[in-house]
Amino acid sequence: MASENTARRWFALTRDRLPDLARQRGWPVFEDHCFQRILLDNAVGDKWDLEIPAPAYRNASDELLERAMALGEGAIAGTEDLADLNRNSLAWRGKGEPGR
């Protein structure tokens, strides 16, 4: 179960920071739940809800949310390709081909 501090940081990243940058970066998504899906799926390596009961922010471990947040921070820093992460997520959901 994620700590309150980790959940707070998760929401700051996925509800504020990433959506605020989305349009200027030309990212394929801009809504908070899309960033949450992408980051959680890539942290898990599959559809996140196969491993974590909803709601993820309450039921994921700190370690898993940290892994997901590191991907989001990497997208901000330019070391992770958000479009590739999105393609991975969609592929795990049967909606496309993996990005990398």
PDB file of N, CA and C in Angstrom:
ATOM      1  N   MET A   1       0.842  -1.186   0.000  1.00  0.00           N
ATOM      2  CA  MET A   1       0.000   0.000   0.000  1.00  0.00           C
ATOM      3  C   MET A   1       0.880   1.239   0.000  1.00  0.00           C
ATOM      4  N   ALA A   2       0.602   2.147  -0.880  1.00  0.00           N
ATOM      5  CA  ALA A   2       1.409   3.358  -1.010  1.00  0.00           C
ATOM      6  C   ALA A   2       1.219   4.269   0.199  1.00  0.00           C
ATOM      7  N   SER A   3       2.311   4.893   0.594  1.00  0.00           N
ATOM      8  CA  SER A   3       2.239   5.848   1.689  1.00  0.00           C
ATOM      9  C   SER A   3       1.546   7.125   1.212  1.00  0.00           C
ATOM     10  N   GLU A   4       1.078   7.901   2.148  1.00  0.00           N
ATOM     11  CA  GLU A   4       0.403   9.158   1.810  1.00  0.00           C
ATOM     12  C   GLU A   4       1.336  10.098   1.048  1.00  0.00           C
ATOM     13  N   ASN A   5       2.592  10.154   1.452  1.00  0.00           N
ATOM     14  CA  ASN A   5       3.570  11.015   0.776  1.00  0.00           C
ATOM     15  C   ASN A   5       3.787  10.569  -0.669  1.00  0.00           C
ATOM     16  N   THR A   6       3.934   9.270  -0.886  1.00  0.00           N
ATOM     17  CA  THR A   6       4.137   8.758  -2.244  1.00  0.00           C
ATOM     18  C   THR A   6       2.904   9.037  -3.106  1.00  0.00           C
ATOM     19  N   ALA A   7       1.725   8.809  -2.572  1.00  0.00           N
ATOM     20  CA  ALA A   7       0.490   9.082  -3.316  1.00  0.00           C
ATOM     21  C   ALA A   7       0.386  10.566  -3.651  1.00  0.00           C
ATOM     22  N   ARG A   8       0.748  11.429  -2.734  1.00  0.00           N
ATOM     23  CA  ARG A   8       0.707  12.875  -2.978  1.00  0.00           C
ATOM     24  C   ARG A   8       1.651  13.252  -4.123  1.00  0.00           C
ATOM     25  N   ARG A   9       2.856  12.687  -4.121  1.00  0.00           N
ATOM     26  CA  ARG A   9       3.819  12.952  -5.194  1.00  0.00           C
ATOM     27  C   ARG A   9       3.328  12.395  -6.529  1.00  0.00           C
ATOM     28  N   TRP A  10       2.701  11.215  -6.489  1.00  0.00           N
ATOM     29  CA  TRP A  10       2.127  10.587  -7.680  1.00  0.00           C
ATOM     30  C   TRP A  10       1.099  11.519  -8.333  1.00  0.00           C
ATOM     31  N   PHE A  11       0.204  12.053  -7.527  1.00  0.00           N
ATOM     32  CA  PHE A  11      -0.827  12.933  -8.061  1.00  0.00           C
ATOM     33  C   PHE A  11      -0.248  14.260  -8.540  1.00  0.00           C
ATOM     34  N   ALA A  12       0.736  14.787  -7.857  1.00  0.00           N
ATOM     35  CA  ALA A  12       1.372  16.032  -8.320  1.00  0.00           C
ATOM     36  C   ALA A  12       1.988  15.824  -9.698  1.00  0.00           C
ATOM     37  N   LEU A  13       2.604  14.672  -9.902  1.00  0.00           N
ATOM     38  CA  LEU A  13       3.221  14.368 -11.189  1.00  0.00           C
ATOM     39  C   LEU A  13       2.168  14.138 -12.272  1.00  0.00           C
ATOM     40  N   THR A  14       1.196  13.274 -11.988  1.00  0.00           N
ATOM     41  CA  THR A  14       0.261  12.851 -13.044  1.00  0.00           C
ATOM     42  C   THR A  14      -0.924  13.788 -13.239  1.00  0.00           C
ATOM     43  N   ARG A  15      -1.263  14.563 -12.245  1.00  0.00           N
ATOM     44  CA  ARG A  15      -2.397  15.486 -12.381  1.00  0.00           C
ATOM     45  C   ARG A  15      -1.958  16.905 -12.747  1.00  0.00           C
ATOM     46  N   ASP A  16      -0.728  17.241 -12.402  1.00  0.00           N
ATOM     47  CA  ASP A  16      -0.271  18.619 -12.608  1.00  0.00           C
ATOM     48  C   ASP A  16       0.896  18.718 -13.586  1.00  0.00           C
ATOM     49  N   ARG A  17       2.029  18.180 -13.200  1.00  0.00           N
ATOM     50  CA  ARG A  17       3.247  18.400 -13.979  1.00  0.00           C
ATOM     51  C   ARG A  17       3.172  17.849 -15.392  1.00  0.00           C
ATOM     52  N   LEU A  18       2.805  16.582 -15.552  1.00  0.00           N
ATOM     53  CA  LEU A  18       2.764  15.995 -16.893  1.00  0.00           C
ATOM     54  C   LEU A  18       1.684  16.630 -17.769  1.00  0.00           C
ATOM     55  N   PRO A  19       0.445  16.784 -17.291  1.00  0.00           N
ATOM     56  CA  PRO A  19      -0.550  17.445 -18.142  1.00  0.00           C
ATOM     57  C   PRO A  19      -0.156  18.878 -18.524  1.00  0.00           C
ATOM     58  N   ASP A  20       0.494  19.597 -17.623  1.00  0.00           N
ATOM     59  CA  ASP A  20       0.917  20.964 -17.924  1.00  0.00           C
ATOM     60  C   ASP A  20       1.931  21.015 -19.065  1.00  0.00           C
ATOM     61  N   LEU A  21       2.733  19.971 -19.197  1.00  0.00           N
ATOM     62  CA  LEU A  21       3.763  19.929 -20.246  1.00  0.00           C
ATOM     63  C   LEU A  21       3.283  19.275 -21.544  1.00  0.00           C
ATOM     64  N   ALA A  22       2.186  18.571 -21.499  1.00  0.00           N
ATOM     65  CA  ALA A  22       1.777  17.702 -22.606  1.00  0.00           C
ATOM     66  C   ALA A  22       1.669  18.403 -23.950  1.00  0.00           C
ATOM     67  N   ARG A  23       0.973  19.492 -24.001  1.00  0.00           N
ATOM     68  CA  ARG A  23       0.750  20.137 -25.298  1.00  0.00           C
ATOM     69  C   ARG A  23       2.031  20.752 -25.850  1.00  0.00           C
ATOM     70  N   GLN A  24       2.811  21.393 -25.002  1.00  0.00           N
ATOM     71  CA  GLN A  24       4.054  21.997 -25.509  1.00  0.00           C
ATOM     72  C   GLN A  24       5.067  20.947 -25.939  1.00  0.00           C
ATOM     73  N   ARG A  25       4.995  19.750 -25.381  1.00  0.00           N
ATOM     74  CA  ARG A  25       5.905  18.671 -25.769  1.00  0.00           C
ATOM     75  C   ARG A  25       5.370  17.830 -26.920  1.00  0.00           C
ATOM     76  N   GLY A  26       4.114  18.029 -27.282  1.00  0.00           N
ATOM     77  CA  GLY A  26       3.517  17.243 -28.358  1.00  0.00           C
ATOM     78  C   GLY A  26       3.268  15.797 -27.974  1.00  0.00           C
ATOM     79  N   TRP A  27       3.017  15.543 -26.693  1.00  0.00           N
ATOM     80  CA  TRP A  27       2.760  14.182 -26.238  1.00  0.00           C
ATOM     81  C   TRP A  27       1.400  13.694 -26.738  1.00  0.00           C
ATOM     82  N   PRO A  28       1.263  12.378 -26.886  1.00  0.00           N
ATOM     83  CA  PRO A  28       0.028  11.832 -27.459  1.00  0.00           C
ATOM     84  C   PRO A  28      -1.162  11.859 -26.501  1.00  0.00           C
ATOM     85  N   VAL A  29      -0.944  12.180 -25.247  1.00  0.00           N
ATOM     86  CA  VAL A  29      -2.020  12.247 -24.246  1.00  0.00           C
ATOM     87  C   VAL A  29      -1.855  13.526 -23.438  1.00  0.00           C
ATOM     88  N   PHE A  30      -2.935  13.927 -22.766  1.00  0.00           N
ATOM     89  CA  PHE A  30      -2.840  15.125 -21.936  1.00  0.00           C
ATOM     90  C   PHE A  30      -3.678  15.036 -20.664  1.00  0.00           C
ATOM     91  N   GLU A  31      -4.459  13.975 -20.524  1.00  0.00           N
ATOM     92  CA  GLU A  31      -5.294  13.834 -19.337  1.00  0.00           C
ATOM     93  C   GLU A  31      -4.602  12.991 -18.275  1.00  0.00           C
ATOM     94  N   ASP A  32      -4.864  13.332 -17.016  1.00  0.00           N
ATOM     95  CA  ASP A  32      -4.173  12.688 -15.899  1.00  0.00           C
ATOM     96  C   ASP A  32      -4.320  11.175 -15.896  1.00  0.00           C
ATOM     97  N   HIS A  33      -5.528  10.666 -16.145  1.00  0.00           N
ATOM     98  CA  HIS A  33      -5.725   9.213 -16.098  1.00  0.00           C
ATOM     99  C   HIS A  33      -4.934   8.504 -17.198  1.00  0.00           C
ATOM    100  N   CYS A  34      -4.674   9.181 -18.307  1.00  0.00           N
ATOM    101  CA  CYS A  34      -3.858   8.578 -19.376  1.00  0.00           C
ATOM    102  C   CYS A  34      -2.402   8.446 -18.920  1.00  0.00           C
ATOM    103  N   PHE A  35      -1.884   9.490 -18.284  1.00  0.00           N
ATOM    104  CA  PHE A  35      -0.523   9.401 -17.761  1.00  0.00           C
ATOM    105  C   PHE A  35      -0.428   8.307 -16.706  1.00  0.00           C
ATOM    106  N   GLN A  36      -1.430   8.201 -15.862  1.00  0.00           N
ATOM    107  CA  GLN A  36      -1.422   7.170 -14.830  1.00  0.00           C
ATOM    108  C   GLN A  36      -1.406   5.785 -15.457  1.00  0.00           C
ATOM    109  N   ARG A  37      -2.239   5.572 -16.469  1.00  0.00           N
ATOM    110  CA  ARG A  37      -2.267   4.278 -17.173  1.00  0.00           C
ATOM    111  C   ARG A  37      -0.922   3.957 -17.789  1.00  0.00           C
ATOM    112  N   ILE A  38      -0.374   4.896 -18.518  1.00  0.00           N
ATOM    113  CA  ILE A  38       0.906   4.684 -19.212  1.00  0.00           C
ATOM    114  C   ILE A  38       2.014   4.348 -18.228  1.00  0.00           C
ATOM    115  N   LEU A  39       2.146   5.148 -17.189  1.00  0.00           N
ATOM    116  CA  LEU A  39       3.252   4.947 -16.240  1.00  0.00           C
ATOM    117  C   LEU A  39       3.080   3.662 -15.448  1.00  0.00           C
ATOM    118  N   LEU A  40       1.872   3.391 -14.989  1.00  0.00           N
ATOM    119  CA  LEU A  40       1.645   2.156 -14.228  1.00  0.00           C
ATOM    120  C   LEU A  40       1.835   0.916 -15.095  1.00  0.00           C
ATOM    121  N   ASP A  41       1.289   0.932 -16.315  1.00  0.00           N
ATOM    122  CA  ASP A  41       1.458  -0.226 -17.199  1.00  0.00           C
ATOM    123  C   ASP A  41       2.936  -0.502 -17.446  1.00  0.00           C
ATOM    124  N   ASN A  42       3.710   0.532 -17.712  1.00  0.00           N
ATOM    125  CA  ASN A  42       5.135   0.332 -17.994  1.00  0.00           C
ATOM    126  C   ASN A  42       5.917  -0.066 -16.743  1.00  0.00           C
ATOM    127  N   ALA A  43       5.503   0.391 -15.589  1.00  0.00           N
ATOM    128  CA  ALA A  43       6.163  -0.016 -14.345  1.00  0.00           C
ATOM    129  C   ALA A  43       5.894  -1.487 -14.043  1.00  0.00           C
ATOM    130  N   VAL A  44       4.675  -1.946 -14.384  1.00  0.00           N
ATOM    131  CA  VAL A  44       4.290  -3.343 -14.155  1.00  0.00           C
ATOM    132  C   VAL A  44       4.793  -4.236 -15.285  1.00  0.00           C
ATOM    133  N   GLY A  45       4.807  -3.711 -16.513  1.00  0.00           N
ATOM    134  CA  GLY A  45       5.178  -4.505 -17.676  1.00  0.00           C
ATOM    135  C   GLY A  45       3.983  -5.219 -18.288  1.00  0.00           C
ATOM    136  N   ASP A  46       2.798  -4.710 -17.992  1.00  0.00           N
ATOM    137  CA  ASP A  46       1.537  -5.271 -18.494  1.00  0.00           C
ATOM    138  C   ASP A  46       0.428  -4.326 -18.042  1.00  0.00           C
ATOM    139  N   LYS A  47      -0.815  -4.719 -18.289  1.00  0.00           N
ATOM    140  CA  LYS A  47      -1.918  -3.914 -17.759  1.00  0.00           C
ATOM    141  C   LYS A  47      -1.807  -3.876 -16.240  1.00  0.00           C
ATOM    142  N   TRP A  48      -1.742  -2.678 -15.691  1.00  0.00           N
ATOM    143  CA  TRP A  48      -1.481  -2.559 -14.254  1.00  0.00           C
ATOM    144  C   TRP A  48      -2.529  -3.268 -13.406  1.00  0.00           C
ATOM    145  N   ASP A  49      -3.786  -3.281 -13.856  1.00  0.00           N
ATOM    146  CA  ASP A  49      -4.830  -3.847 -13.013  1.00  0.00           C
ATOM    147  C   ASP A  49      -4.827  -5.379 -12.969  1.00  0.00           C
ATOM    148  N   LEU A  50      -3.907  -5.998 -13.721  1.00  0.00           N
ATOM    149  CA  LEU A  50      -3.706  -7.437 -13.572  1.00  0.00           C
ATOM    150  C   LEU A  50      -2.897  -7.746 -12.314  1.00  0.00           C
ATOM    151  N   GLU A  51      -2.179  -6.748 -11.811  1.00  0.00           N
ATOM    152  CA  GLU A  51      -1.329  -6.941 -10.633  1.00  0.00           C
ATOM    153  C   GLU A  51      -1.736  -6.120  -9.422  1.00  0.00           C
ATOM    154  N   ILE A  52      -2.460  -5.015  -9.654  1.00  0.00           N
ATOM    155  CA  ILE A  52      -2.812  -4.102  -8.566  1.00  0.00           C
ATOM    156  C   ILE A  52      -4.322  -3.883  -8.589  1.00  0.00           C
ATOM    157  N   PRO A  53      -4.992  -4.128  -7.483  1.00  0.00           N
ATOM    158  CA  PRO A  53      -6.421  -3.796  -7.464  1.00  0.00           C
ATOM    159  C   PRO A  53      -6.618  -2.278  -7.505  1.00  0.00           C
ATOM    160  N   ALA A  54      -7.711  -1.864  -8.113  1.00  0.00           N
ATOM    161  CA  ALA A  54      -8.043  -0.437  -8.130  1.00  0.00           C
ATOM    162  C   ALA A  54      -8.546  -0.030  -6.735  1.00  0.00           C
ATOM    163  N   PRO A  55      -8.305   1.186  -6.343  1.00  0.00           N
ATOM    164  CA  PRO A  55      -7.545   2.227  -7.020  1.00  0.00           C
ATOM    165  C   PRO A  55      -6.043   2.019  -6.818  1.00  0.00           C
ATOM    166  N   ALA A  56      -5.303   2.187  -7.889  1.00  0.00           N
ATOM    167  CA  ALA A  56      -3.866   1.899  -7.868  1.00  0.00           C
ATOM    168  C   ALA A  56      -3.116   2.761  -6.862  1.00  0.00           C
ATOM    169  N   TYR A  57      -3.450   4.033  -6.765  1.00  0.00           N
ATOM    170  CA  TYR A  57      -2.701   4.911  -5.854  1.00  0.00           C
ATOM    171  C   TYR A  57      -2.809   4.444  -4.411  1.00  0.00           C
ATOM    172  N   ARG A  58      -3.880   3.747  -4.091  1.00  0.00           N
ATOM    173  CA  ARG A  58      -4.065   3.266  -2.730  1.00  0.00           C
ATOM    174  C   ARG A  58      -3.492   1.865  -2.541  1.00  0.00           C
ATOM    175  N   ASN A  59      -3.480   1.048  -3.597  1.00  0.00           N
ATOM    176  CA  ASN A  59      -3.115  -0.358  -3.467  1.00  0.00           C
ATOM    177  C   ASN A  59      -1.732  -0.720  -3.986  1.00  0.00           C
ATOM    178  N   ALA A  60      -1.106   0.156  -4.765  1.00  0.00           N
ATOM    179  CA  ALA A  60       0.252  -0.120  -5.257  1.00  0.00           C
ATOM    180  C   ALA A  60       1.246   0.093  -4.123  1.00  0.00           C
ATOM    181  N   SER A  61       2.342  -0.624  -4.202  1.00  0.00           N
ATOM    182  CA  SER A  61       3.409  -0.417  -3.219  1.00  0.00           C
ATOM    183  C   SER A  61       4.128   0.892  -3.525  1.00  0.00           C
ATOM    184  N   ASP A  62       4.812   1.422  -2.525  1.00  0.00           N
ATOM    185  CA  ASP A  62       5.652   2.604  -2.751  1.00  0.00           C
ATOM    186  C   ASP A  62       6.666   2.313  -3.850  1.00  0.00           C
ATOM    187  N   GLU A  63       7.240   1.113  -3.829  1.00  0.00           N
ATOM    188  CA  GLU A  63       8.255   0.740  -4.821  1.00  0.00           C
ATOM    189  C   GLU A  63       7.695   0.820  -6.243  1.00  0.00           C
ATOM    190  N   LEU A  64       6.497   0.313  -6.437  1.00  0.00           N
ATOM    191  CA  LEU A  64       5.900   0.338  -7.773  1.00  0.00           C
ATOM    192  C   LEU A  64       5.586   1.768  -8.202  1.00  0.00           C
ATOM    193  N   LEU A  65       5.013   2.563  -7.321  1.00  0.00           N
ATOM    194  CA  LEU A  65       4.731   3.954  -7.684  1.00  0.00           C
ATOM    195  C   LEU A  65       6.022   4.726  -7.935  1.00  0.00           C
ATOM    196  N   GLU A  66       7.064   4.431  -7.195  1.00  0.00           N
ATOM    197  CA  GLU A  66       8.360   5.083  -7.439  1.00  0.00           C
ATOM    198  C   GLU A  66       8.881   4.720  -8.821  1.00  0.00           C
ATOM    199  N   ARG A  67       8.743   3.455  -9.194  1.00  0.00           N
ATOM    200  CA  ARG A  67       9.169   3.022 -10.532  1.00  0.00           C
ATOM    201  C   ARG A  67       8.365   3.752 -11.602  1.00  0.00           C
ATOM    202  N   ALA A  68       7.067   3.862 -11.403  1.00  0.00           N
ATOM    203  CA  ALA A  68       6.205   4.564 -12.360  1.00  0.00           C
ATOM    204  C   ALA A  68       6.568   6.048 -12.419  1.00  0.00           C
ATOM    205  N   MET A  69       6.800   6.649 -11.261  1.00  0.00           N
ATOM    206  CA  MET A  69       7.156   8.072 -11.238  1.00  0.00           C
ATOM    207  C   MET A  69       8.504   8.319 -11.901  1.00  0.00           C
ATOM    208  N   ALA A  70       9.423   7.387 -11.769  1.00  0.00           N
ATOM    209  CA  ALA A  70      10.730   7.539 -12.421  1.00  0.00           C
ATOM    210  C   ALA A  70      10.557   7.596 -13.943  1.00  0.00           C
ATOM    211  N   LEU A  71       9.614   6.835 -14.482  1.00  0.00           N
ATOM    212  CA  LEU A  71       9.333   6.902 -15.916  1.00  0.00           C
ATOM    213  C   LEU A  71       8.773   8.271 -16.292  1.00  0.00           C
ATOM    214  N   GLY A  72       7.871   8.786 -15.477  1.00  0.00           N
ATOM    215  CA  GLY A  72       7.315  10.115 -15.727  1.00  0.00           C
ATOM    216  C   GLY A  72       8.373  11.201 -15.633  1.00  0.00           C
ATOM    217  N   GLU A  73       9.241  11.099 -14.647  1.00  0.00           N
ATOM    218  CA  GLU A  73      10.341  12.062 -14.516  1.00  0.00           C
ATOM    219  C   GLU A  73      11.277  11.942 -15.711  1.00  0.00           C
ATOM    220  N   GLY A  74      11.471  10.719 -16.194  1.00  0.00           N
ATOM    221  CA  GLY A  74      12.296  10.512 -17.378  1.00  0.00           C
ATOM    222  C   GLY A  74      11.681  11.160 -18.609  1.00  0.00           C
ATOM    223  N   ALA A  75      10.364  11.104 -18.727  1.00  0.00           N
ATOM    224  CA  ALA A  75       9.683  11.771 -19.849  1.00  0.00           C
ATOM    225  C   ALA A  75       9.888  13.279 -19.762  1.00  0.00           C
ATOM    226  N   ILE A  76       9.810  13.822 -18.563  1.00  0.00           N
ATOM    227  CA  ILE A  76      10.035  15.258 -18.378  1.00  0.00           C
ATOM    228  C   ILE A  76      11.467  15.617 -18.745  1.00  0.00           C
ATOM    229  N   ALA A  77      12.423  14.779 -18.328  1.00  0.00           N
ATOM    230  CA  ALA A  77      13.845  15.039 -18.581  1.00  0.00           C
ATOM    231  C   ALA A  77      14.264  14.730 -20.009  1.00  0.00           C
ATOM    232  N   GLY A  78      13.418  13.997 -20.739  1.00  0.00           N
ATOM    233  CA  GLY A  78      13.750  13.630 -22.106  1.00  0.00           C
ATOM    234  C   GLY A  78      14.526  12.335 -22.239  1.00  0.00           C
ATOM    235  N   THR A  79      14.622  11.571 -21.157  1.00  0.00           N
ATOM    236  CA  THR A  79      15.330  10.289 -21.210  1.00  0.00           C
ATOM    237  C   THR A  79      14.381   9.115 -21.457  1.00  0.00           C
ATOM    238  N   GLU A  80      13.089   9.366 -21.371  1.00  0.00           N
ATOM    239  CA  GLU A  80      12.056   8.374 -21.710  1.00  0.00           C
ATOM    240  C   GLU A  80      11.173   8.980 -22.791  1.00  0.00           C
ATOM    241  N   ASP A  81      10.768   8.174 -23.750  1.00  0.00           N
ATOM    242  CA  ASP A  81       9.905   8.622 -24.830  1.00  0.00           C
ATOM    243  C   ASP A  81       8.458   8.290 -24.463  1.00  0.00           C
ATOM    244  N   LEU A  82       7.691   9.312 -24.144  1.00  0.00           N
ATOM    245  CA  LEU A  82       6.325   9.084 -23.707  1.00  0.00           C
ATOM    246  C   LEU A  82       5.483   8.414 -24.792  1.00  0.00           C
ATOM    247  N   ALA A  83       5.737   8.738 -26.035  1.00  0.00           N
ATOM    248  CA  ALA A  83       4.994   8.090 -27.131  1.00  0.00           C
ATOM    249  C   ALA A  83       5.273   6.589 -27.151  1.00  0.00           C
ATOM    250  N   ASP A  84       6.523   6.189 -26.936  1.00  0.00           N
ATOM    251  CA  ASP A  84       6.853   4.758 -26.867  1.00  0.00           C
ATOM    252  C   ASP A  84       6.190   4.107 -25.659  1.00  0.00           C
ATOM    253  N   LEU A  85       6.228   4.779 -24.515  1.00  0.00           N
ATOM    254  CA  LEU A  85       5.590   4.233 -23.317  1.00  0.00           C
ATOM    255  C   LEU A  85       4.089   4.057 -23.562  1.00  0.00           C
ATOM    256  N   ASN A  86       3.476   5.022 -24.242  1.00  0.00           N
ATOM    257  CA  ASN A  86       2.055   4.917 -24.560  1.00  0.00           C
ATOM    258  C   ASN A  86       1.794   3.743 -25.500  1.00  0.00           C
ATOM    259  N   ARG A  87       2.636   3.578 -26.510  1.00  0.00           N
ATOM    260  CA  ARG A  87       2.458   2.440 -27.423  1.00  0.00           C
ATOM    261  C   ARG A  87       2.569   1.117 -26.675  1.00  0.00           C
ATOM    262  N   ASN A  88       3.522   1.016 -25.751  1.00  0.00           N
ATOM    263  CA  ASN A  88       3.630  -0.207 -24.936  1.00  0.00           C
ATOM    264  C   ASN A  88       2.319  -0.464 -24.198  1.00  0.00           C
ATOM    265  N   SER A  89       1.828   0.566 -23.532  1.00  0.00           N
ATOM    266  CA  SER A  89       0.604   0.442 -22.752  1.00  0.00           C
ATOM    267  C   SER A  89      -0.562   0.009 -23.631  1.00  0.00           C
ATOM    268  N   LEU A  90      -0.708   0.651 -24.762  1.00  0.00           N
ATOM    269  CA  LEU A  90      -1.805   0.291 -25.663  1.00  0.00           C
ATOM    270  C   LEU A  90      -1.654  -1.133 -26.189  1.00  0.00           C
ATOM    271  N   ALA A  91      -0.429  -1.562 -26.466  1.00  0.00           N
ATOM    272  CA  ALA A  91      -0.198  -2.932 -26.947  1.00  0.00           C
ATOM    273  C   ALA A  91      -0.601  -3.950 -25.880  1.00  0.00           C
ATOM    274  N   TRP A  92      -0.262  -3.692 -24.628  1.00  0.00           N
ATOM    275  CA  TRP A  92      -0.655  -4.604 -23.551  1.00  0.00           C
ATOM    276  C   TRP A  92      -2.169  -4.664 -23.420  1.00  0.00           C
ATOM    277  N   ARG A  93      -2.837  -3.644 -23.888  1.00  0.00           N
ATOM    278  CA  ARG A  93      -4.292  -3.584 -23.828  1.00  0.00           C
ATOM    279  C   ARG A  93      -4.931  -4.013 -25.135  1.00  0.00           C
ATOM    280  N   GLY A  94      -4.120  -4.565 -26.058  1.00  0.00           N
ATOM    281  CA  GLY A  94      -4.633  -5.074 -27.318  1.00  0.00           C
ATOM    282  C   GLY A  94      -5.000  -4.004 -28.323  1.00  0.00           C
ATOM    283  N   LYS A  95      -4.377  -2.826 -28.202  1.00  0.00           N
ATOM    284  CA  LYS A  95      -4.741  -1.703 -29.060  1.00  0.00           C
ATOM    285  C   LYS A  95      -3.580  -1.188 -29.901  1.00  0.00           C
ATOM    286  N   GLY A  96      -2.598  -2.020 -30.193  1.00  0.00           N
ATOM    287  CA  GLY A  96      -1.494  -1.562 -31.015  1.00  0.00           C
ATOM    288  C   GLY A  96      -0.245  -2.390 -30.816  1.00  0.00           C
ATOM    289  N   GLU A  97       0.845  -1.915 -31.366  1.00  0.00           N
ATOM    290  CA  GLU A  97       2.148  -2.589 -31.286  1.00  0.00           C
ATOM    291  C   GLU A  97       3.028  -1.897 -30.250  1.00  0.00           C
ATOM    292  N   PRO A  98       3.901  -2.645 -29.563  1.00  0.00           N
ATOM    293  CA  PRO A  98       4.812  -2.032 -28.594  1.00  0.00           C
ATOM    294  C   PRO A  98       5.706  -0.976 -29.245  1.00  0.00           C
ATOM    295  N   GLY A  99       6.089   0.011 -28.429  1.00  0.00           N
ATOM    296  CA  GLY A  99       6.920   1.107 -28.925  1.00  0.00           C
ATOM    297  C   GLY A  99       8.403   0.831 -28.881  1.00  0.00           C
ATOM    298  N   ARG A 100       8.815  -0.089 -28.047  1.00  0.00           N
ATOM    299  CA  ARG A 100      10.246  -0.388 -27.965  1.00  0.00           C
ATOM    300  C   ARG A 100      10.468  -1.798 -27.531  1.00  0.00           C
TER     301      ARG A 100
END
